[in-house]
Each structure stands twice: as structure tokens, then as C-alpha cells.
Amino acid sequence: MAQPDFGRQRGGALAEPSDDVRPPKTGELVARRLRRMIVDRELNDGDFLPNEATLLEHFGVSRPTLREAFRVLESESLIELRRGSRTGARVRVPGPEAVARPAGLQLQLGEATLADVYVARSAIEPPAARLLALSGDESRYASLEEALEEERANVDNPERFAIGSAHFHLRLVQLSGNQTLAIMAGMMHEIILRQTQAAVRSTARTQPSDEVRDGYERALRAYAKLVKLVRSGRGDAAEQFWRKHLEVADELVLAGHEATRVIDVLD
């Protein structure tokens, strides 16, 4: 059987290892340990790390190595370096926006369109509705119903209704219990919000106020039906209903803007 070629040079000596198998530097190992402490909640948001002397002794490393670890964690938005009466590093647990910003940039660089984003939303939200319905968690059901009631209060204010609508969609996914879906929805939230606001403003300018309000009422009825299906634990029905609702709603929101680039929405 032929042996794998690990890049032997003439004379039998192994070639220099490639970068992808490079042993981690000591600073990276220290950053990895501190990162794990943050993830495991041994260090919480707002906590100050021990002073430099204590950390140097604890990890048995040099000052440049510790500072390299700090740079790694700072680039990941896990700590902030503070100077003043309490000199040192402070833990900052990033929210979804830490993912949303670079993801939005990637969508812009890739020339993604609004149609791309809304197709992705349609792939995320219906399964999330199913997961939420099957969770049997009354507190989650109550949170979705609370988002619905907040939106009812916005029915006479187009701008607030647009914001509430985007929030309801995001909240649905957050309450599903699936963190990966929630992060993906958070990545798209700003784009969805901007386009929803633009669509609401356009409708308010071009349609009579009675027709605009009727549209809001239809949306509220759809949200209310989803809440009812979720509360009843009917996962398949909730998923199917929400998929059909998105098909109709997305067509209205995207009308004439399917090819609009994300960069033109966020710019």
C-alpha cells in the first residue's frame, strides 16, 4: 500500500510543516484558556481579569505573551482593555451584533441581493416556528404573544409598525431554542428591518390610509394565528402556515426590489 506523502525532501528529511499544522503559540494557548473560562461562565460580562502580575504568575508566561493573548481576545470582542483607576482587561461578552456586522459586510462584498436574504429568512423562520410549538415552554409562548401585543399598539404608527414587525420575526426565531438559527436570523435582522421600513414608507405614501391600516390588520391576524398554532403545540401546522405567510408577505415587501443589493440597503 502506498504511504502518504508528507512532503519529504531529498535525503529523506521532512519538509517544513505547512501553516495549517503549525503548533499554536503560547499566547494563543493562553487566549484559548481565557476564552474557555468566559464561555463556561467562570468569567462573566463586566468582570475584570486579575492584574497582570497575577496572570503572569498563573500562566507562567512572559509579559509579551500575555499581551499577545489579550490582543487575540480583544480582536474577538471578548475583552476590552481599560486604563484608569482599575487598569486591566474587562470581560465583554459580545451580542449577536458582533456576528451581524461582519456578516453584513460579507453579504455586501458578495453582492447579495434582497431576494437572497428573504429566501434565507424563509428557510429559517418556518422550522423555527415548528421548534417553538414543540417546545412546550409556556414562558416562550408568552414572550411571542408579548411581541404580538407590542405590535398591536403600533398599528397607527407606520414607522413603529415596521420596527415591531421586524422584531416579531426575529423574536420568533430567538424563542425557538435553536441558537444557530437565532444567530443567523440576527445576522439578517438589520437588512430585514431596513427593507421593511422602506416598504412601509412607500405604502404610506402611495396608498390611502384605510388600505394601509387594513394591511397592518392582516399582518396582525397572521401573527395572532401563528401564536395560536404555537400555543397549541401544532408544530407541523405552525411551520406550514408561516411558510405560506412569508411567501405572501415577502412578495409585498420585495415588490420591484428583488435585485436590490444589500449594500444599497445598508449604505
Protein backbone atom coordinates (compact mmCIF):
# COMPACT_ATOMS: atom_id res chain seq x y z
CA MET A 1 0.00 0.00 0.00
CA ALA A 2 1.38 3.41 -0.94
CA GLN A 3 2.32 5.59 2.02
CA PRO A 4 1.05 9.19 2.24
CA ASP A 5 3.48 11.83 1.06
CA PHE A 6 4.24 14.19 3.92
CA GLY A 7 6.45 16.36 1.75
CA ARG A 8 9.80 14.62 2.18
CA GLN A 9 12.75 16.47 0.76
CA ARG A 10 15.65 14.78 -0.96
CA GLY A 11 17.71 12.82 1.51
CA GLY A 12 14.66 11.69 3.45
CA ALA A 13 14.23 14.77 5.64
CA LEU A 14 10.72 16.08 6.22
CA ALA A 15 9.91 19.39 4.62
CA GLU A 16 8.93 22.33 6.80
CA PRO A 17 5.38 21.85 8.17
CA SER A 18 2.69 23.89 6.47
CA ASP A 19 0.92 26.68 8.33
CA ASP A 20 -2.23 24.62 8.89
CA VAL A 21 -0.34 22.22 11.19
CA ARG A 22 1.70 24.89 12.97
CA PRO A 23 1.68 24.35 16.74
CA PRO A 24 -0.23 27.16 18.46
CA LYS A 25 1.83 29.91 20.01
CA THR A 26 1.85 30.24 23.78
CA GLY A 27 -0.15 33.46 23.53
CA GLU A 28 -2.84 31.62 21.58
CA LEU A 29 -2.94 28.89 24.23
CA VAL A 30 -3.43 31.48 26.97
CA ALA A 31 -6.17 33.16 24.92
CA ARG A 32 -7.81 29.76 24.42
CA ARG A 33 -7.86 29.13 28.18
CA LEU A 34 -9.30 32.55 28.96
CA ARG A 35 -11.86 32.17 26.17
CA ARG A 36 -12.99 28.85 27.66
CA MET A 37 -13.36 30.50 31.07
CA ILE A 38 -15.63 33.13 29.52
CA VAL A 39 -17.70 30.56 27.62
CA ASP A 40 -18.05 28.41 30.76
CA ARG A 41 -19.11 31.49 32.75
CA GLU A 42 -16.14 31.27 35.09
CA LEU A 43 -15.65 34.85 33.93
CA ASN A 44 -18.81 36.89 33.36
CA ASP A 45 -19.64 40.00 31.39
CA GLY A 46 -18.20 43.02 33.20
CA ASP A 47 -15.69 41.08 35.29
CA PHE A 48 -12.16 42.43 35.47
CA LEU A 49 -9.41 39.93 34.82
CA PRO A 50 -6.82 39.64 37.60
CA ASN A 51 -3.97 42.12 37.36
CA GLU A 52 -1.06 41.48 35.06
CA ALA A 53 1.31 40.20 37.75
CA THR A 54 -1.24 37.61 38.89
CA LEU A 55 -1.90 36.41 35.36
CA LEU A 56 1.82 36.19 34.55
CA GLU A 57 2.37 34.02 37.60
CA HIS A 58 -0.73 31.90 36.98
CA PHE A 59 0.09 31.07 33.37
CA GLY A 60 3.87 31.13 33.78
CA VAL A 61 4.37 33.27 30.69
CA SER A 62 6.15 36.46 29.77
CA ARG A 63 4.53 39.90 29.56
CA PRO A 64 4.69 39.98 25.70
CA THR A 65 2.99 36.56 25.57
CA LEU A 66 0.18 37.70 27.88
CA ARG A 67 -0.31 40.85 25.83
CA GLU A 68 -0.49 38.74 22.67
CA ALA A 69 -3.28 36.72 24.31
CA PHE A 70 -5.07 39.97 25.17
CA ARG A 71 -4.82 41.13 21.55
CA VAL A 72 -6.41 37.89 20.36
CA LEU A 73 -9.32 38.19 22.80
CA GLU A 74 -9.76 41.89 22.07
CA SER A 75 -9.99 41.15 18.33
CA GLU A 76 -12.79 38.68 19.17
CA SER A 77 -14.60 41.35 21.22
CA LEU A 78 -14.31 39.18 24.33
CA ILE A 79 -12.39 41.72 26.39
CA GLU A 80 -11.75 45.43 26.40
CA LEU A 81 -8.58 46.96 27.72
CA ARG A 82 -9.29 49.68 30.25
CA ARG A 83 -6.91 52.21 31.69
CA GLY A 84 -7.57 54.26 34.77
CA SER A 85 -8.09 53.59 38.41
CA ARG A 86 -8.57 49.87 37.67
CA THR A 87 -6.03 49.17 34.98
CA GLY A 88 -6.58 45.88 33.23
CA ALA A 89 -8.79 43.88 30.94
CA ARG A 90 -12.54 43.63 31.37
CA VAL A 91 -14.72 40.83 30.01
CA ARG A 92 -17.23 41.86 27.37
CA VAL A 93 -19.50 39.09 26.16
CA PRO A 94 -20.49 40.04 22.60
CA GLY A 95 -24.11 40.03 21.48
CA PRO A 96 -25.47 38.96 18.08
CA GLU A 97 -24.39 42.28 16.61
CA ALA A 98 -20.77 41.08 16.80
CA VAL A 99 -21.68 38.49 14.18
CA ALA A 100 -24.15 40.64 12.29
CA ARG A 101 -21.68 43.37 11.34
CA PRO A 102 -19.06 41.21 9.59
CA ALA A 103 -21.81 39.02 8.09
CA GLY A 104 -23.47 42.09 6.63
CA LEU A 105 -20.14 43.14 5.17
CA GLN A 106 -19.69 39.72 3.58
CA LEU A 107 -23.14 39.97 2.01
CA GLN A 108 -22.20 43.35 0.62
CA LEU A 109 -18.86 42.13 -0.73
CA GLY A 110 -20.59 39.15 -2.32
CA GLU A 111 -23.14 41.45 -3.94
CA ALA A 112 -26.02 39.60 -2.29
CA THR A 113 -29.49 40.81 -3.20
CA LEU A 114 -32.58 41.32 -1.08
CA ALA A 115 -34.06 38.24 -2.76
CA ASP A 116 -31.11 36.22 -1.38
CA VAL A 117 -31.79 37.45 2.13
CA TYR A 118 -35.52 36.82 2.06
CA VAL A 119 -35.06 33.31 0.65
CA ALA A 120 -32.74 32.62 3.58
CA ARG A 121 -35.31 34.00 6.03
CA SER A 122 -37.95 31.70 4.54
CA ALA A 123 -35.61 28.78 5.16
CA ILE A 124 -35.09 29.76 8.81
CA GLU A 125 -38.35 31.03 10.25
CA PRO A 126 -40.84 28.22 9.43
CA PRO A 127 -38.68 25.50 11.06
CA ALA A 128 -38.17 27.86 14.00
CA ALA A 129 -41.95 28.14 14.36
CA ARG A 130 -42.16 24.36 14.47
CA LEU A 131 -39.44 24.10 17.11
CA LEU A 132 -41.12 26.72 19.25
CA ALA A 133 -44.50 24.98 19.00
CA LEU A 134 -42.97 21.66 20.04
CA SER A 135 -41.01 23.16 22.93
CA GLY A 136 -43.99 23.10 25.29
CA ASP A 137 -42.45 26.10 27.02
CA GLU A 138 -45.18 28.42 28.29
CA SER A 139 -42.74 31.24 29.01
CA ARG A 140 -41.60 31.24 25.38
CA TYR A 141 -45.20 31.24 24.16
CA ALA A 142 -45.91 34.20 26.43
CA SER A 143 -42.88 36.07 25.07
CA LEU A 144 -44.09 35.66 21.48
CA GLU A 145 -47.57 36.79 22.49
CA GLU A 146 -46.00 39.82 24.19
CA ALA A 147 -44.25 40.72 20.93
CA LEU A 148 -47.63 40.47 19.20
CA GLU A 149 -49.30 42.78 21.72
CA GLU A 150 -46.48 45.29 21.37
CA GLU A 151 -47.08 45.28 17.63
CA ARG A 152 -50.82 45.81 18.07
CA ALA A 153 -50.01 49.07 19.83
CA ASN A 154 -48.10 50.24 16.74
CA VAL A 155 -50.95 49.90 14.26
CA ASP A 156 -51.42 53.68 13.92
CA ASN A 157 -47.71 54.43 13.53
CA PRO A 158 -46.15 53.12 10.28
CA GLU A 159 -42.56 53.60 11.39
CA ARG A 160 -43.08 51.82 14.69
CA PHE A 161 -45.12 49.11 12.98
CA ALA A 162 -42.19 48.37 10.65
CA ILE A 163 -39.81 48.09 13.59
CA GLY A 164 -42.26 45.91 15.53
CA SER A 165 -42.77 43.62 12.55
CA ALA A 166 -39.04 43.00 12.12
CA HIS A 167 -38.77 42.43 15.87
CA PHE A 168 -41.61 39.86 15.85
CA HIS A 169 -39.88 37.85 13.12
CA LEU A 170 -36.57 37.92 14.96
CA ARG A 171 -38.19 37.08 18.30
CA LEU A 172 -39.87 34.04 16.77
CA VAL A 173 -36.50 32.55 15.87
CA GLN A 174 -34.85 33.54 19.14
CA LEU A 175 -37.60 31.78 21.08
CA SER A 176 -37.24 28.57 19.04
CA GLY A 177 -34.41 27.49 21.31
CA ASN A 178 -32.01 26.88 18.43
CA GLN A 179 -29.04 29.17 18.94
CA THR A 180 -27.66 28.64 15.44
CA LEU A 181 -30.91 29.70 13.80
CA ALA A 182 -31.11 32.68 16.17
CA ILE A 183 -27.64 33.87 15.21
CA MET A 184 -28.45 33.51 11.51
CA ALA A 185 -31.67 35.49 11.98
CA GLY A 186 -29.75 38.14 13.90
CA MET A 187 -27.32 38.45 11.01
CA MET A 188 -30.17 39.35 8.68
CA HIS A 189 -32.18 41.46 11.11
CA GLU A 190 -30.77 44.87 10.15
CA ILE A 191 -31.31 44.17 6.46
CA ILE A 192 -34.87 42.96 7.04
CA LEU A 193 -35.60 45.98 9.24
CA ARG A 194 -34.29 48.49 6.70
CA GLN A 195 -36.27 46.96 3.83
CA THR A 196 -39.45 46.67 5.93
CA GLN A 197 -39.17 50.35 6.87
CA ALA A 198 -38.68 51.31 3.23
CA ALA A 199 -41.69 49.25 2.15
CA VAL A 200 -43.91 50.71 4.88
CA ARG A 201 -42.92 54.27 3.98
CA SER A 202 -43.60 53.64 0.31
CA THR A 203 -47.01 52.14 1.06
CA ALA A 204 -47.91 55.02 3.35
CA ARG A 205 -47.12 57.49 0.54
CA THR A 206 -48.91 55.68 -2.27
CA GLN A 207 -51.98 54.11 -0.66
CA PRO A 208 -54.96 55.57 1.22
CA SER A 209 -54.65 55.38 4.98
CA ASP A 210 -57.56 52.92 5.25
CA GLU A 211 -55.83 50.48 2.90
CA VAL A 212 -52.58 50.84 4.83
CA ARG A 213 -54.30 50.08 8.12
CA ASP A 214 -56.07 47.09 6.55
CA GLY A 215 -52.68 45.74 5.56
CA TYR A 216 -51.41 46.11 9.11
CA GLU A 217 -54.51 44.37 10.45
CA ARG A 218 -53.94 41.43 8.08
CA ALA A 219 -50.39 41.12 9.31
CA LEU A 220 -51.57 41.18 12.92
CA ARG A 221 -54.11 38.44 12.19
CA ALA A 222 -51.33 36.30 10.73
CA TYR A 223 -49.16 36.90 13.80
CA ALA A 224 -52.10 36.03 16.06
CA LYS A 225 -52.79 32.80 14.17
CA LEU A 226 -49.15 31.81 14.47
CA VAL A 227 -49.24 32.41 18.22
CA LYS A 228 -52.37 30.25 18.46
CA LEU A 229 -50.78 27.41 16.48
CA VAL A 230 -47.61 27.61 18.53
CA ARG A 231 -49.50 27.58 21.82
CA SER A 232 -51.46 24.52 20.69
CA GLY A 233 -48.20 22.65 20.10
CA ARG A 234 -49.03 22.02 16.44
CA GLY A 235 -45.51 22.13 15.05
CA ASP A 236 -46.21 20.98 11.51
CA ALA A 237 -49.19 23.31 11.14
CA ALA A 238 -47.22 26.27 12.50
CA GLU A 239 -44.36 25.61 10.09
CA GLN A 240 -46.66 25.22 7.09
CA PHE A 241 -48.72 28.32 7.93
CA TRP A 242 -45.69 30.51 8.47
CA ARG A 243 -44.09 29.40 5.22
CA LYS A 244 -47.22 30.37 3.29
CA HIS A 245 -47.46 33.67 5.14
CA LEU A 246 -43.86 34.54 4.24
CA GLU A 247 -44.49 33.79 0.58
CA VAL A 248 -47.23 36.42 0.51
CA ALA A 249 -45.58 38.94 2.83
CA ASP A 250 -42.19 38.77 1.11
CA GLU A 251 -43.76 39.37 -2.28
CA LEU A 252 -45.33 42.57 -0.97
CA VAL A 253 -42.22 43.82 0.81
CA LEU A 254 -39.87 42.99 -2.06
CA ALA A 255 -42.09 44.13 -4.95
CA GLY A 256 -39.75 45.63 -7.54
CA HIS A 257 -36.70 45.35 -5.26
CA GLU A 258 -35.74 41.70 -5.57
CA ALA A 259 -32.48 42.57 -7.34
CA THR A 260 -31.59 45.43 -4.99
CA ARG A 261 -28.17 44.79 -3.50
CA VAL A 262 -27.71 44.54 0.27
CA ILE A 263 -25.07 47.27 0.09
CA ASP A 264 -27.71 49.67 -1.27
CA VAL A 265 -29.97 48.91 1.70
CA LEU A 266 -27.33 49.22 4.39
CA ASP A 267 -25.33 52.09 2.88
